[in-house]
Amino acid sequence: MMAAAAGPARLVRCGQKDELHRSGLRSGAGAALHGLAGAKKWLEWRKEIELLSDVAYFVLTTLSGYQTLGEEYVNIVQVDPTKKRVPSFFRRAVFIALHTVVPYCLEKGLLHLERELQTEAHEPRTFQSDPAPGLSSRTLMRNWIQRQVGELTEQQKKTVLQIVYVLKQCVPLLHRLHLAVFYISGTFYHLSKRITGITYLHFGGLQGEDQSIRSSYKFLGMISLFHLFLTIGVQMYSFKQKQRARQEWKLHRNLAHQQNTTKEKTTGRHSRCTLCLEERRHTTATPCGHLFCWECITEWCNTRTECPLCREKFHPQKLIYLRHYQL
């Protein structure tokens, strides 16, 4: 029986079929937990149940040496980079870890790190004692992140918070870039398979079936790349505009601060910014009506698009700079 490299159409159908069965397994596991432990525990452990369901699906299929339901559906078989042997047990285990465990840990780690940095930035607190035995792994990870953040200086915390923000923006862009490359090359549908070098062979059937539609996938890939570069360009332009506005603000901040201080002393009224806890400079209003320093609220909006006081969501473009405001 003749074998050939599986085309992009088969890989897409395989991925969609596997995702369908994984979704069903996650739904069933979630419903079982909801029925046994209640809605509160289900909401608390929903992500972990989904992770365990995905790991179980791939352990029972790929790691055990069997085809997944999606691979069986389109009649394709995994092979290593030599295209002569099935992937080794270690290679399959690494693929499963990269495909399921690593994304979960990355998402949770960035989420806990961002929350801890924002908490430390606005509500400094003392170290807590070591966690008691028996705490969950999530609590241990949260406490470990809290200890590590507590050892950082204020400047390092700001730098790490910016890095976290960049990573959260770059991960979806990386997935979009990989998908566009897949449409053009037609080889690796998942990033985890690209890293581990796992490809597919198709046995039997018409070999020209996948080749006939490869050109349409390439065209789709070019459009995806163009849209991705356009998105990156817009984000970079927006970032440069913010940097330019910040530089212009710093040029006249000192003079404006002196003028505002003189006016406030004359009137005998002082207003403080709830972010920096200092006298408010260049008063800026959020759409919900709260007042902050221009520099403080724009820095806040770099990581969170919500009011620091009432948590109302808003776009940074909605900030209103109040000229000649003296209260």
Protein backbone atom coordinates (compact mmCIF):
# COMPACT_ATOMS: atom_id res chain seq x y z
CA MET A 1 0.00 0.00 0.00
CA MET A 2 1.40 3.37 -1.04
CA ALA A 3 2.00 6.03 1.63
CA ALA A 4 2.34 9.77 1.17
CA ALA A 5 2.60 12.82 3.39
CA ALA A 6 -0.81 13.84 4.67
CA GLY A 7 -2.05 17.10 3.17
CA PRO A 8 -3.40 20.11 5.08
CA ALA A 9 -7.04 19.17 4.46
CA ARG A 10 -6.65 15.86 6.27
CA LEU A 11 -4.72 17.46 9.12
CA VAL A 12 -7.41 20.09 9.61
CA ARG A 13 -10.20 17.48 9.61
CA CYS A 14 -8.16 15.36 12.03
CA GLY A 15 -7.66 18.30 14.41
CA GLN A 16 -11.33 19.24 14.27
CA LYS A 17 -12.45 15.67 14.94
CA ASP A 18 -10.06 15.33 17.89
CA GLU A 19 -11.24 18.67 19.30
CA LEU A 20 -14.85 17.47 19.02
CA HIS A 21 -14.16 14.32 21.04
CA ARG A 22 -12.01 16.18 23.56
CA SER A 23 -14.82 18.69 24.08
CA GLY A 24 -17.25 15.86 24.72
CA LEU A 25 -14.87 14.28 27.23
CA ARG A 26 -14.36 17.62 29.00
CA SER A 27 -18.12 18.21 29.14
CA GLY A 28 -18.75 14.77 30.58
CA ALA A 29 -16.05 15.15 33.24
CA GLY A 30 -17.31 18.61 34.14
CA ALA A 31 -20.90 17.39 34.42
CA ALA A 32 -19.76 14.54 36.69
CA LEU A 33 -17.90 16.93 38.99
CA HIS A 34 -20.84 19.34 38.98
CA GLY A 35 -23.21 16.55 39.98
CA LEU A 36 -20.94 15.15 42.70
CA ALA A 37 -19.45 18.31 44.26
CA GLY A 38 -21.78 21.11 43.21
CA ALA A 39 -21.46 24.23 41.12
CA LYS A 40 -18.91 25.96 43.40
CA LYS A 41 -16.33 23.18 43.12
CA TRP A 42 -16.99 22.86 39.41
CA LEU A 43 -16.25 26.55 38.86
CA GLU A 44 -13.14 26.32 41.05
CA TRP A 45 -11.66 23.26 39.34
CA ARG A 46 -13.07 23.62 35.82
CA LYS A 47 -9.71 24.33 34.17
CA GLU A 48 -8.04 21.43 35.97
CA ILE A 49 -10.79 19.03 34.94
CA GLU A 50 -10.38 20.12 31.31
CA LEU A 51 -6.61 19.57 31.58
CA LEU A 52 -7.04 16.08 33.05
CA SER A 53 -9.57 15.20 30.35
CA ASP A 54 -7.20 16.26 27.56
CA VAL A 55 -4.28 14.40 29.13
CA ALA A 56 -6.41 11.27 29.53
CA TYR A 57 -7.50 11.45 25.87
CA PHE A 58 -3.95 11.60 24.55
CA VAL A 59 -2.55 9.09 27.07
CA LEU A 60 -5.16 6.51 26.05
CA THR A 61 -4.47 7.08 22.34
CA THR A 62 -1.15 8.66 21.32
CA LEU A 63 0.96 7.63 24.31
CA SER A 64 -0.44 4.08 24.23
CA GLY A 65 0.57 3.71 20.58
CA TYR A 66 -2.91 3.98 19.05
CA GLN A 67 -4.41 6.43 16.60
CA THR A 68 -6.58 9.20 17.96
CA LEU A 69 -10.18 9.23 16.80
CA GLY A 70 -9.36 12.10 14.45
CA GLU A 71 -6.38 10.26 12.93
CA GLU A 72 -8.47 7.15 12.47
CA TYR A 73 -11.23 9.23 10.88
CA VAL A 74 -8.96 10.48 8.06
CA ASN A 75 -6.69 7.39 8.00
CA ILE A 76 -3.35 9.00 8.88
CA VAL A 77 -0.49 7.72 11.06
CA GLN A 78 2.08 9.61 13.10
CA VAL A 79 5.75 9.30 12.07
CA ASP A 80 8.99 10.79 13.37
CA PRO A 81 11.22 13.14 11.30
CA THR A 82 12.70 10.18 9.40
CA LYS A 83 9.19 9.29 8.11
CA LYS A 84 10.13 5.62 8.49
CA ARG A 85 9.21 4.92 12.11
CA VAL A 86 6.45 5.84 14.51
CA PRO A 87 7.50 8.44 17.12
CA SER A 88 9.27 7.08 20.18
CA PHE A 89 7.55 6.91 23.55
CA PHE A 90 9.59 9.88 24.81
CA ARG A 91 8.74 12.00 21.76
CA ARG A 92 5.03 11.26 22.18
CA ALA A 93 5.20 12.09 25.89
CA VAL A 94 6.89 15.43 25.15
CA PHE A 95 4.22 16.20 22.55
CA ILE A 96 1.41 15.55 25.06
CA ALA A 97 3.10 17.73 27.68
CA LEU A 98 3.62 20.59 25.21
CA HIS A 99 0.08 20.27 23.86
CA THR A 100 -1.79 20.15 27.20
CA VAL A 101 0.25 20.80 30.37
CA VAL A 102 2.53 23.62 29.19
CA PRO A 103 -0.30 25.91 27.91
CA TYR A 104 -2.19 25.40 31.18
CA CYS A 105 0.87 26.19 33.33
CA LEU A 106 1.75 29.22 31.17
CA GLU A 107 -1.76 30.66 31.40
CA LYS A 108 -2.06 30.10 35.15
CA GLY A 109 1.47 31.32 35.84
CA LEU A 110 1.03 34.57 33.91
CA LEU A 111 -2.37 35.15 35.53
CA HIS A 112 -1.08 34.67 39.09
CA LEU A 113 2.07 36.71 38.38
CA GLU A 114 0.08 39.62 36.92
CA ARG A 115 -2.35 39.66 39.85
CA GLU A 116 0.47 39.50 42.39
CA LEU A 117 2.43 42.31 40.73
CA GLN A 118 -0.64 44.53 40.56
CA THR A 119 -1.49 43.77 44.19
CA GLU A 120 2.06 44.52 45.31
CA ALA A 121 2.10 47.73 43.28
CA HIS A 122 -1.03 49.19 44.86
CA GLU A 123 -1.45 47.30 48.14
CA PRO A 124 2.00 46.34 49.53
CA ARG A 125 1.80 43.63 52.15
CA THR A 126 4.11 41.66 54.36
CA PHE A 127 5.19 38.12 53.71
CA GLN A 128 2.93 35.35 54.84
CA SER A 129 4.22 32.33 56.70
CA ASP A 130 5.05 29.17 54.83
CA PRO A 131 1.97 27.32 53.59
CA ALA A 132 0.70 24.57 55.78
CA PRO A 133 0.99 20.96 54.61
CA GLY A 134 -1.93 19.72 52.59
CA LEU A 135 -2.48 22.84 50.50
CA SER A 136 -3.26 22.35 46.83
CA SER A 137 -0.60 22.74 44.15
CA ARG A 138 -2.33 25.93 42.93
CA THR A 139 -1.97 27.49 46.40
CA LEU A 140 1.67 26.43 46.59
CA MET A 141 2.38 27.97 43.18
CA ARG A 142 0.59 31.17 44.17
CA ASN A 143 2.58 31.40 47.42
CA TRP A 144 5.84 30.72 45.58
CA ILE A 145 5.09 33.51 43.08
CA GLN A 146 4.19 35.82 45.98
CA ARG A 147 7.54 35.17 47.67
CA GLN A 148 9.47 35.74 44.45
CA VAL A 149 7.63 38.99 43.71
CA GLY A 150 8.22 40.20 47.25
CA GLU A 151 11.99 40.03 46.68
CA LEU A 152 11.87 42.33 43.65
CA THR A 153 12.45 46.07 43.72
CA GLU A 154 9.79 48.49 42.53
CA GLN A 155 11.55 49.03 39.21
CA GLN A 156 11.93 45.28 38.69
CA LYS A 157 8.24 44.77 39.41
CA LYS A 158 7.31 47.33 36.76
CA THR A 159 9.65 45.65 34.27
CA VAL A 160 8.28 42.16 34.98
CA LEU A 161 4.71 43.46 34.71
CA GLN A 162 5.51 44.89 31.27
CA ILE A 163 7.08 41.56 30.24
CA VAL A 164 3.95 39.70 31.38
CA TYR A 165 1.79 42.08 29.36
CA VAL A 166 3.96 41.56 26.26
CA LEU A 167 3.85 37.78 26.66
CA LYS A 168 0.06 37.80 26.95
CA GLN A 169 -0.09 39.77 23.72
CA CYS A 170 2.54 37.68 21.90
CA VAL A 171 1.21 34.17 22.63
CA PRO A 172 -1.98 34.59 20.52
CA LEU A 173 0.08 36.24 17.76
CA LEU A 174 2.48 33.29 17.81
CA HIS A 175 -0.41 30.85 17.36
CA ARG A 176 -1.75 32.91 14.46
CA LEU A 177 1.69 33.00 12.84
CA HIS A 178 2.06 29.24 13.19
CA LEU A 179 -1.37 28.64 11.69
CA ALA A 180 -0.54 30.87 8.71
CA VAL A 181 2.73 28.99 8.18
CA PHE A 182 0.80 25.72 8.31
CA TYR A 183 -1.60 26.90 5.61
CA ILE A 184 1.39 27.73 3.38
CA SER A 185 3.56 24.67 4.08
CA GLY A 186 0.81 22.20 5.01
CA THR A 187 2.95 20.20 7.44
CA PHE A 188 2.43 20.95 11.15
CA TYR A 189 -1.09 21.85 12.29
CA HIS A 190 -0.13 22.14 15.98
CA LEU A 191 2.85 23.99 17.39
CA SER A 192 3.60 21.09 19.72
CA LYS A 193 3.98 18.75 16.74
CA ARG A 194 6.32 21.22 15.03
CA ILE A 195 8.55 21.31 18.12
CA THR A 196 8.64 17.52 18.47
CA GLY A 197 8.92 16.90 14.72
CA ILE A 198 5.86 14.62 14.50
CA THR A 199 4.35 14.46 11.01
CA TYR A 200 1.73 12.25 9.33
CA LEU A 201 1.55 9.73 6.50
CA HIS A 202 -1.63 8.86 4.65
CA PHE A 203 -2.12 5.28 3.45
CA GLY A 204 -4.32 4.39 0.51
CA GLY A 205 -6.86 6.52 -1.31
CA LEU A 206 -6.24 9.09 -4.02
CA GLN A 207 -2.86 10.72 -3.52
CA GLY A 208 -3.76 13.77 -5.59
CA GLU A 209 -6.75 14.62 -3.49
CA ASP A 210 -4.80 16.74 -1.00
CA GLN A 211 -2.55 18.25 -3.65
CA SER A 212 -5.52 19.62 -5.58
CA ILE A 213 -6.55 21.96 -2.78
CA ARG A 214 -3.07 22.86 -1.45
CA SER A 215 -2.99 26.05 -3.52
CA SER A 216 -6.17 27.32 -1.85
CA TYR A 217 -4.61 26.72 1.56
CA LYS A 218 -1.51 28.64 0.49
CA PHE A 219 -3.68 31.56 -0.55
CA LEU A 220 -5.43 31.42 2.82
CA GLY A 221 -2.03 31.38 4.51
CA MET A 222 -0.89 34.50 2.65
CA ILE A 223 -4.07 36.33 3.67
CA SER A 224 -3.57 35.22 7.27
CA LEU A 225 0.02 36.48 7.24
CA PHE A 226 -1.05 39.83 5.80
CA HIS A 227 -3.74 40.21 8.46
CA LEU A 228 -1.25 39.25 11.18
CA PHE A 229 1.34 41.79 10.04
CA LEU A 230 -1.37 44.43 9.81
CA THR A 231 -2.42 43.69 13.39
CA ILE A 232 1.18 43.89 14.61
CA GLY A 233 1.67 47.17 12.74
CA VAL A 234 -1.41 48.71 14.33
CA GLN A 235 -0.31 47.60 17.80
CA MET A 236 3.22 48.96 17.29
CA TYR A 237 1.86 52.27 16.03
CA SER A 238 -0.45 52.53 19.06
CA PHE A 239 2.47 51.73 21.36
CA LYS A 240 4.66 54.42 19.74
CA GLN A 241 1.85 56.95 20.09
CA LYS A 242 1.60 56.17 23.81
CA GLN A 243 5.38 56.48 24.20
CA ARG A 244 5.41 59.81 22.37
CA ALA A 245 2.58 61.15 24.50
CA ARG A 246 4.42 60.03 27.63
CA GLN A 247 7.64 61.75 26.52
CA GLU A 248 5.77 64.97 25.78
CA TRP A 249 4.12 64.72 29.16
CA LYS A 250 7.49 64.38 30.92
CA LEU A 251 8.90 67.46 29.14
CA HIS A 252 6.43 69.88 30.69
CA ARG A 253 5.49 67.93 33.82
CA ASN A 254 7.82 69.78 36.20
CA LEU A 255 6.76 73.24 35.08
CA ALA A 256 3.09 72.30 35.12
CA HIS A 257 3.51 70.73 38.56
CA GLN A 258 4.95 73.96 39.92
CA GLN A 259 2.08 75.94 38.46
CA ASN A 260 -0.51 73.55 39.87
CA THR A 261 1.18 73.56 43.28
CA THR A 262 1.14 77.35 43.34
CA LYS A 263 -2.55 77.44 42.46
CA GLU A 264 -3.41 74.84 45.07
CA LYS A 265 -1.50 76.73 47.77
CA THR A 266 -3.27 79.91 46.77
CA THR A 267 -6.70 78.33 47.06
CA GLY A 268 -5.71 76.23 50.08
CA ARG A 269 -7.16 73.05 48.56
CA HIS A 270 -5.18 69.85 47.97
CA SER A 271 -6.23 66.79 46.01
CA ARG A 272 -4.47 63.46 46.06
CA CYS A 273 -4.28 60.73 43.41
CA THR A 274 -5.35 57.36 44.78
CA LEU A 275 -2.72 55.58 42.66
CA CYS A 276 0.47 57.45 43.63
CA LEU A 277 -0.96 58.89 46.90
CA GLU A 278 0.58 62.26 46.04
CA GLU A 279 -0.89 65.58 45.01
CA ARG A 280 -2.76 65.08 41.77
CA ARG A 281 -0.95 66.44 38.70
CA HIS A 282 -2.63 67.03 35.36
CA THR A 283 -5.98 65.78 36.56
CA THR A 284 -7.53 63.18 34.26
CA ALA A 285 -11.05 61.76 34.52
CA THR A 286 -12.19 58.26 33.66
CA PRO A 287 -15.61 57.73 32.00
CA CYS A 288 -16.97 56.70 35.41
CA GLY A 289 -15.96 60.06 36.93
CA HIS A 290 -12.93 59.19 39.08
CA LEU A 291 -9.89 61.48 38.98
CA PHE A 292 -6.20 60.52 38.76
CA CYS A 293 -2.86 61.89 37.58
CA TRP A 294 -2.50 61.64 33.81
CA GLU A 295 0.73 59.65 34.09
CA CYS A 296 -0.66 57.32 36.77
CA ILE A 297 -3.87 56.38 34.95
CA THR A 298 -2.17 55.96 31.55
CA GLU A 299 0.43 53.66 33.13
CA TRP A 300 -2.41 51.72 34.77
CA CYS A 301 -4.16 51.36 31.40
CA ASN A 302 -1.06 49.73 29.91
CA THR A 303 -1.94 46.57 31.83
CA ARG A 304 -5.63 46.87 32.77
CA THR A 305 -8.43 48.68 30.97
CA GLU A 306 -10.62 49.31 33.99
CA CYS A 307 -11.04 51.96 36.68
CA PRO A 308 -8.73 51.30 39.68
CA LEU A 309 -11.54 52.26 42.08
CA CYS A 310 -14.84 50.94 40.75
CA ARG A 311 -13.42 48.40 38.19
CA GLU A 312 -15.64 49.71 35.40
CA LYS A 313 -14.27 48.70 32.00
CA PHE A 314 -13.33 51.44 29.53
CA HIS A 315 -11.03 52.09 26.57
CA PRO A 316 -7.94 54.24 27.27
CA GLN A 317 -9.09 56.58 24.47
CA LYS A 318 -12.03 57.57 26.71
CA LEU A 319 -9.76 59.25 29.29
CA ILE A 320 -10.44 62.98 29.60
CA TYR A 321 -7.58 65.34 30.44
CA LEU A 322 -9.00 68.24 32.51
CA ARG A 323 -7.07 71.40 31.62
CA HIS A 324 -6.95 74.19 34.24
CA TYR A 325 -8.64 71.93 36.79
CA GLN A 326 -7.93 73.24 40.29
CA LEU A 327 -9.88 71.01 42.70
